[in-house]
């Protein structure tokens, strides 16, 4: 099978959409945080915690959507810690975020060993199954690729529309964007910049955790160490790639996922026998870096991103 056949196959695009789904959840969460003026580098640890929390909740007896809710709540709690340290206390957002990643990851691994001390291999759960959308799933080519996914994948794309609507069509979204552009103007209107930023970080972190939970509840059926595998850092880059716009960030996630799906299939072609597999593993990251460089040159960073705000100061 040559590259053209790969790129035009429904199976390829079905895989790309599936790979993009957790990235979309986490990217939307990071975008909400940064739009409010807070860089959340805790995303990697939050995704790990969400993956474990959702999986262990289902393993303990909750339904799948209950596991999603537990993951979301876990992310919100970690986001509250990040927001408390970085917004009212004004600590370095870089240090707080990296510290949160280390804390969340370590606590997850510790909890895993405490809850399952004698387990040598992770137990499996019954994960979300593909749900073909009646009518749409029968469209030749596109139907099996885009409309025969799991419910969480549909939720990921619905989240993009919801985030775009809230940010650009509601007073709440205007307040969030203003908090990341001109917090002094927000305060002059009698609104609390601290409350807006805290709320954005808490909700955004919840969506990041759901992105992690996608891996255990939809993509796979168990939790294992290193399953997030740097996806959180990719999501931070995708926010920049998308110029802090939900639609563009979603397209960036699909682009990265397509590169990832492509490298997996290229390893199974005659080229894969001649080229070291490590080069294929590098490909999506190299191509994403190139796209990021080209796109970010025209991106307008929120003016107050990473700038602490203290009421009364100029």
Protein backbone atom coordinates (compact mmCIF):
# COMPACT_ATOMS: atom_id res chain seq x y z
CA UNK A 1 0.00 0.00 0.00
CA UNK A 2 1.47 3.38 -1.03
CA UNK A 3 1.07 6.70 0.77
CA UNK A 4 -1.80 7.84 -1.48
CA UNK A 5 -3.79 4.71 -0.69
CA UNK A 6 -3.12 5.18 3.01
CA UNK A 7 -4.22 8.82 3.00
CA UNK A 8 -7.43 8.05 1.12
CA UNK A 9 -8.50 5.06 3.21
CA UNK A 10 -11.37 5.35 5.69
CA UNK A 11 -9.43 3.30 8.25
CA UNK A 12 -6.63 5.87 8.26
CA UNK A 13 -8.94 8.80 8.98
CA UNK A 14 -10.90 6.80 11.54
CA UNK A 15 -7.62 6.23 13.39
CA UNK A 16 -6.62 9.88 13.04
CA UNK A 17 -9.92 11.06 14.55
CA UNK A 18 -9.55 8.56 17.38
CA UNK A 19 -5.98 9.66 18.13
CA UNK A 20 -7.00 13.33 17.98
CA UNK A 21 -9.88 13.01 20.47
CA UNK A 22 -7.87 13.11 23.75
CA UNK A 23 -5.75 15.91 22.30
CA UNK A 24 -8.89 17.93 21.55
CA UNK A 25 -10.19 17.60 25.11
CA UNK A 26 -6.88 18.65 26.65
CA UNK A 27 -6.21 21.38 24.09
CA UNK A 28 -9.60 22.98 24.75
CA UNK A 29 -8.82 22.90 28.47
CA UNK A 30 -5.44 24.56 27.97
CA UNK A 31 -6.95 27.10 25.60
CA UNK A 32 -9.52 28.15 28.22
CA UNK A 33 -6.77 28.62 30.79
CA UNK A 34 -4.54 30.65 28.49
CA UNK A 35 -7.41 32.77 27.19
CA UNK A 36 -7.91 33.85 30.80
CA UNK A 37 -4.21 34.66 31.16
CA UNK A 38 -2.90 31.51 32.89
CA UNK A 39 -0.39 29.11 31.36
CA UNK A 40 -1.15 25.65 32.76
CA UNK A 41 1.96 23.50 32.51
CA UNK A 42 0.35 20.98 34.83
CA UNK A 43 -1.54 19.52 31.88
CA UNK A 44 0.63 16.40 31.57
CA UNK A 45 0.13 15.42 35.21
CA UNK A 46 -3.55 16.30 35.11
CA UNK A 47 -4.05 14.01 32.11
CA UNK A 48 -2.27 11.17 33.92
CA UNK A 49 -4.43 11.70 37.02
CA UNK A 50 -7.58 11.85 34.91
CA UNK A 51 -6.68 8.66 33.07
CA UNK A 52 -6.21 6.80 36.34
CA UNK A 53 -9.17 8.33 38.19
CA UNK A 54 -11.65 7.56 35.42
CA UNK A 55 -10.35 4.02 34.99
CA UNK A 56 -10.24 3.10 38.68
CA UNK A 57 -13.73 4.54 39.21
CA UNK A 58 -15.13 2.27 36.49
CA UNK A 59 -13.08 -0.66 37.78
CA UNK A 60 -14.63 -0.10 41.23
CA UNK A 61 -18.13 -0.27 39.81
CA UNK A 62 -19.18 3.12 38.42
CA UNK A 63 -20.63 3.34 34.90
CA UNK A 64 -18.43 4.70 32.13
CA UNK A 65 -19.95 8.19 32.24
CA UNK A 66 -19.47 8.08 36.01
CA UNK A 67 -15.77 7.48 35.36
CA UNK A 68 -15.72 10.51 33.05
CA UNK A 69 -17.32 12.58 35.81
CA UNK A 70 -14.75 11.38 38.37
CA UNK A 71 -11.93 12.27 35.98
CA UNK A 72 -13.42 15.72 35.42
CA UNK A 73 -13.72 16.28 39.18
CA UNK A 74 -10.13 15.13 39.69
CA UNK A 75 -8.92 17.62 37.10
CA UNK A 76 -10.94 20.39 38.71
CA UNK A 77 -9.34 19.72 42.10
CA UNK A 78 -5.85 19.82 40.62
CA UNK A 79 -6.82 22.94 38.67
CA UNK A 80 -8.01 24.57 41.90
CA UNK A 81 -4.57 23.96 43.41
CA UNK A 82 -2.85 25.40 40.34
CA UNK A 83 -5.19 28.40 40.30
CA UNK A 84 -4.76 29.10 44.00
CA UNK A 85 -0.98 29.18 43.75
CA UNK A 86 -0.71 31.04 40.45
CA UNK A 87 -3.61 33.52 40.54
CA UNK A 88 -4.23 35.03 44.02
CA UNK A 89 -0.75 34.12 45.32
CA UNK A 90 0.89 35.18 42.04
CA UNK A 91 3.56 32.47 42.03
CA UNK A 92 5.44 31.62 38.84
CA UNK A 93 3.05 29.81 36.51
CA UNK A 94 5.95 27.84 35.04
CA UNK A 95 7.09 26.54 38.43
CA UNK A 96 3.55 25.84 39.66
CA UNK A 97 2.63 23.97 36.48
CA UNK A 98 5.73 21.77 36.40
CA UNK A 99 5.39 21.13 40.13
CA UNK A 100 1.75 20.13 39.63
CA UNK A 101 2.72 17.71 36.87
CA UNK A 102 5.27 16.06 39.16
CA UNK A 103 2.81 15.97 42.07
CA UNK A 104 -0.12 14.59 40.09
CA UNK A 105 1.99 11.96 38.34
CA UNK A 106 3.64 10.80 41.57
CA UNK A 107 0.34 10.69 43.47
CA UNK A 108 -1.23 8.68 40.66
CA UNK A 109 1.50 6.07 40.68
CA UNK A 110 1.45 5.89 44.48
CA UNK A 111 -2.33 5.49 44.56
CA UNK A 112 -2.14 2.78 41.92
CA UNK A 113 0.28 0.77 44.04
CA UNK A 114 -1.79 1.28 47.19
CA UNK A 115 -5.09 0.29 45.58
CA UNK A 116 -3.66 -2.59 43.53
CA UNK A 117 -0.59 -3.76 45.47
CA UNK A 118 -0.50 -7.33 44.16
CA UNK A 119 -1.38 -6.66 40.54
CA UNK A 120 1.37 -7.41 38.01
CA UNK A 121 -0.63 -6.33 34.95
CA UNK A 122 -3.39 -3.68 34.92
CA UNK A 123 -6.94 -5.10 35.12
CA UNK A 124 -9.19 -4.48 32.15
CA UNK A 125 -12.57 -2.78 32.06
CA UNK A 126 -15.32 -2.66 29.45
CA UNK A 127 -14.57 0.58 27.62
CA UNK A 128 -16.78 2.76 25.43
CA UNK A 129 -17.66 1.00 22.19
CA UNK A 130 -18.05 2.62 18.75
CA UNK A 131 -21.52 4.01 18.20
CA UNK A 132 -22.45 4.43 14.53
CA UNK A 133 -24.65 7.48 14.02
CA UNK A 134 -27.73 6.34 12.07
CA UNK A 135 -27.71 7.66 8.54
CA UNK A 136 -24.38 9.47 8.74
CA UNK A 137 -22.36 6.31 9.38
CA UNK A 138 -23.64 4.91 6.08
CA UNK A 139 -22.05 7.67 3.97
CA UNK A 140 -19.43 5.97 1.74
CA UNK A 141 -15.92 6.60 3.01
CA UNK A 142 -16.66 9.48 5.38
CA UNK A 143 -19.29 7.60 7.35
CA UNK A 144 -17.06 4.83 8.66
CA UNK A 145 -14.24 7.29 9.37
CA UNK A 146 -16.06 10.10 11.16
CA UNK A 147 -19.39 8.75 12.32
CA UNK A 148 -18.48 5.32 13.69
CA UNK A 149 -16.59 6.51 16.74
CA UNK A 150 -17.10 6.18 20.49
CA UNK A 151 -19.39 8.62 22.35
CA UNK A 152 -16.38 10.37 23.92
CA UNK A 153 -15.05 11.23 20.46
CA UNK A 154 -18.35 12.88 19.56
CA UNK A 155 -18.20 14.71 22.90
CA UNK A 156 -14.71 16.01 22.07
CA UNK A 157 -15.90 17.66 18.85
CA UNK A 158 -19.03 18.96 20.56
CA UNK A 159 -16.75 20.54 23.17
CA UNK A 160 -14.97 22.54 20.46
CA UNK A 161 -18.28 24.03 19.35
CA UNK A 162 -19.28 24.72 22.95
CA UNK A 163 -15.98 26.44 23.80
CA UNK A 164 -16.14 28.56 20.64
CA UNK A 165 -19.74 29.55 21.37
CA UNK A 166 -19.04 30.48 24.99
CA UNK A 167 -15.85 32.42 24.21
CA UNK A 168 -17.24 34.44 21.30
CA UNK A 169 -21.00 34.60 21.84
CA UNK A 170 -21.56 35.03 25.58
CA UNK A 171 -20.74 37.65 28.23
CA UNK A 172 -18.86 34.98 30.17
CA UNK A 173 -16.60 34.31 27.21
CA UNK A 174 -15.99 38.03 26.77
CA UNK A 175 -14.98 38.27 30.42
CA UNK A 176 -12.60 35.31 30.07
CA UNK A 177 -10.95 36.77 26.97
CA UNK A 178 -10.72 40.20 28.60
CA UNK A 179 -9.05 38.69 31.66
CA UNK A 180 -6.31 37.42 29.37
CA UNK A 181 -6.01 40.63 27.37
CA UNK A 182 -6.68 43.51 29.76
CA UNK A 183 -7.42 42.45 33.35
CA UNK A 184 -7.44 46.08 34.48
CA UNK A 185 -10.39 46.73 32.18
CA UNK A 186 -12.21 43.75 33.67
CA UNK A 187 -11.63 45.04 37.18
CA UNK A 188 -12.84 48.50 36.11
CA UNK A 189 -16.18 46.91 35.19
CA UNK A 190 -16.53 45.60 38.72
CA UNK A 191 -15.70 42.00 37.85
CA UNK A 192 -13.23 39.84 39.75
CA UNK A 193 -10.21 38.95 37.64
CA UNK A 194 -9.18 36.42 40.28
CA UNK A 195 -12.53 34.64 40.14
CA UNK A 196 -12.56 34.55 36.33
CA UNK A 197 -9.05 33.20 36.10
CA UNK A 198 -9.61 30.67 38.88
CA UNK A 199 -12.79 29.46 37.21
CA UNK A 200 -11.08 29.15 33.84
CA UNK A 201 -8.19 27.14 35.30
CA UNK A 202 -10.51 24.84 37.26
CA UNK A 203 -12.85 24.12 34.33
CA UNK A 204 -10.02 23.90 31.82
CA UNK A 205 -8.16 21.42 34.04
CA UNK A 206 -11.31 19.32 34.22
CA UNK A 207 -11.34 19.00 30.43
CA UNK A 208 -7.64 18.10 30.45
CA UNK A 209 -8.38 15.24 32.84
CA UNK A 210 -11.18 14.01 30.59
CA UNK A 211 -8.62 13.94 27.78
CA UNK A 212 -6.56 11.59 29.92
CA UNK A 213 -9.63 9.53 30.79
CA UNK A 214 -10.31 9.08 27.07
CA UNK A 215 -7.19 6.93 26.89
CA UNK A 216 -8.38 4.49 29.55
CA UNK A 217 -12.13 4.58 28.92
CA UNK A 218 -12.28 4.78 25.13
CA UNK A 219 -8.95 4.22 23.38
CA UNK A 220 -7.81 1.39 25.67
CA UNK A 221 -9.43 -0.61 28.44
CA UNK A 222 -6.84 -0.36 31.22
CA UNK A 223 -4.35 2.02 32.81
CA UNK A 224 -0.61 1.68 32.40
CA UNK A 225 2.29 3.91 33.25
CA UNK A 226 3.46 6.41 30.62
CA UNK A 227 0.27 6.04 28.59
CA UNK A 228 -0.13 9.83 28.30
CA UNK A 229 3.36 9.87 26.78
CA UNK A 230 3.86 13.61 26.33
CA UNK A 231 0.42 14.37 24.90
CA UNK A 232 0.01 17.20 27.39
CA UNK A 233 3.03 19.05 26.05
CA UNK A 234 1.75 18.56 22.50
CA UNK A 235 -1.55 20.18 23.53
CA UNK A 236 0.27 23.28 24.77
CA UNK A 237 1.88 23.57 21.33
CA UNK A 238 -1.49 23.01 19.64
CA UNK A 239 -2.95 26.02 21.44
CA UNK A 240 -0.20 28.17 19.92
CA UNK A 241 -0.64 26.47 16.54
CA UNK A 242 -4.34 27.32 16.64
CA UNK A 243 -3.62 30.96 17.54
CA UNK A 244 -5.75 30.53 20.69
CA UNK A 245 -8.84 29.78 18.57
CA UNK A 246 -10.82 26.58 19.24
CA UNK A 247 -11.47 25.64 15.61
CA UNK A 248 -7.88 26.05 14.49
CA UNK A 249 -6.59 24.22 17.57
CA UNK A 250 -8.91 21.31 16.73
CA UNK A 251 -7.55 21.19 13.18
CA UNK A 252 -4.03 21.18 14.61
CA UNK A 253 -4.92 18.18 16.80
CA UNK A 254 -6.28 16.32 13.77
CA UNK A 255 -3.16 17.19 11.78
CA UNK A 256 -0.85 15.84 14.48
CA UNK A 257 -3.02 12.73 14.83
CA UNK A 258 -2.89 12.18 11.06
CA UNK A 259 0.91 12.34 11.14
CA UNK A 260 0.90 9.85 14.00
CA UNK A 261 -1.47 7.47 12.23
CA UNK A 262 0.60 7.78 9.05
CA UNK A 263 3.89 6.86 10.71
CA UNK A 264 2.32 3.72 12.18
CA UNK A 265 1.20 2.59 8.73
CA UNK A 266 4.45 3.55 7.01
CA UNK A 267 6.29 1.15 9.31
CA UNK A 268 4.26 -1.66 7.74
CA UNK A 269 5.24 -0.75 4.15
CA UNK A 270 8.43 -1.77 2.31
CA UNK A 271 9.90 1.57 3.39
CA UNK A 272 9.58 0.44 6.99
CA UNK A 273 12.01 -2.41 6.37
CA UNK A 274 14.69 0.03 5.18
CA UNK A 275 14.29 2.93 7.62
CA UNK A 276 14.82 2.66 11.41
CA UNK A 277 11.46 2.79 13.18
CA UNK A 278 12.71 5.61 15.43
CA UNK A 279 12.60 7.94 12.44
CA UNK A 280 8.93 7.14 11.93
CA UNK A 281 8.24 7.83 15.61
CA UNK A 282 9.91 11.22 15.23
CA UNK A 283 7.93 12.17 12.14
CA UNK A 284 4.71 13.53 13.71
CA UNK A 285 6.70 15.63 16.17
CA UNK A 286 9.04 17.03 13.53
CA UNK A 287 6.19 17.87 11.18
CA UNK A 288 4.21 19.40 14.04
CA UNK A 289 7.19 21.56 15.03
CA UNK A 290 7.48 22.76 11.44
CA UNK A 291 3.78 23.59 11.27
CA UNK A 292 3.98 25.28 14.68
CA UNK A 293 6.84 27.51 13.55
CA UNK A 294 5.00 28.52 10.39
CA UNK A 295 1.68 29.20 12.12
CA UNK A 296 2.90 30.79 15.35
CA UNK A 297 4.66 33.63 13.52
CA UNK A 298 1.24 35.16 12.84
CA UNK A 299 -0.34 34.23 16.17
CA UNK A 300 -1.39 36.96 18.58
CA UNK A 301 -0.59 35.93 22.13
CA UNK A 302 -3.10 37.06 24.79
CA UNK A 303 -1.54 40.27 26.07
CA UNK A 304 -1.82 39.37 29.77
CA UNK A 305 -0.82 35.71 29.47
CA UNK A 306 1.37 34.79 32.49
CA UNK A 307 1.04 38.35 33.86
CA UNK A 308 -0.14 38.35 37.51
CA UNK A 309 -2.86 40.84 38.38
CA UNK A 310 -3.23 42.62 41.68
CA UNK A 311 -6.19 44.91 42.02
CA UNK A 312 -5.15 48.51 42.48
CA UNK A 313 -1.73 48.13 40.86
CA UNK A 314 -0.88 49.78 37.55
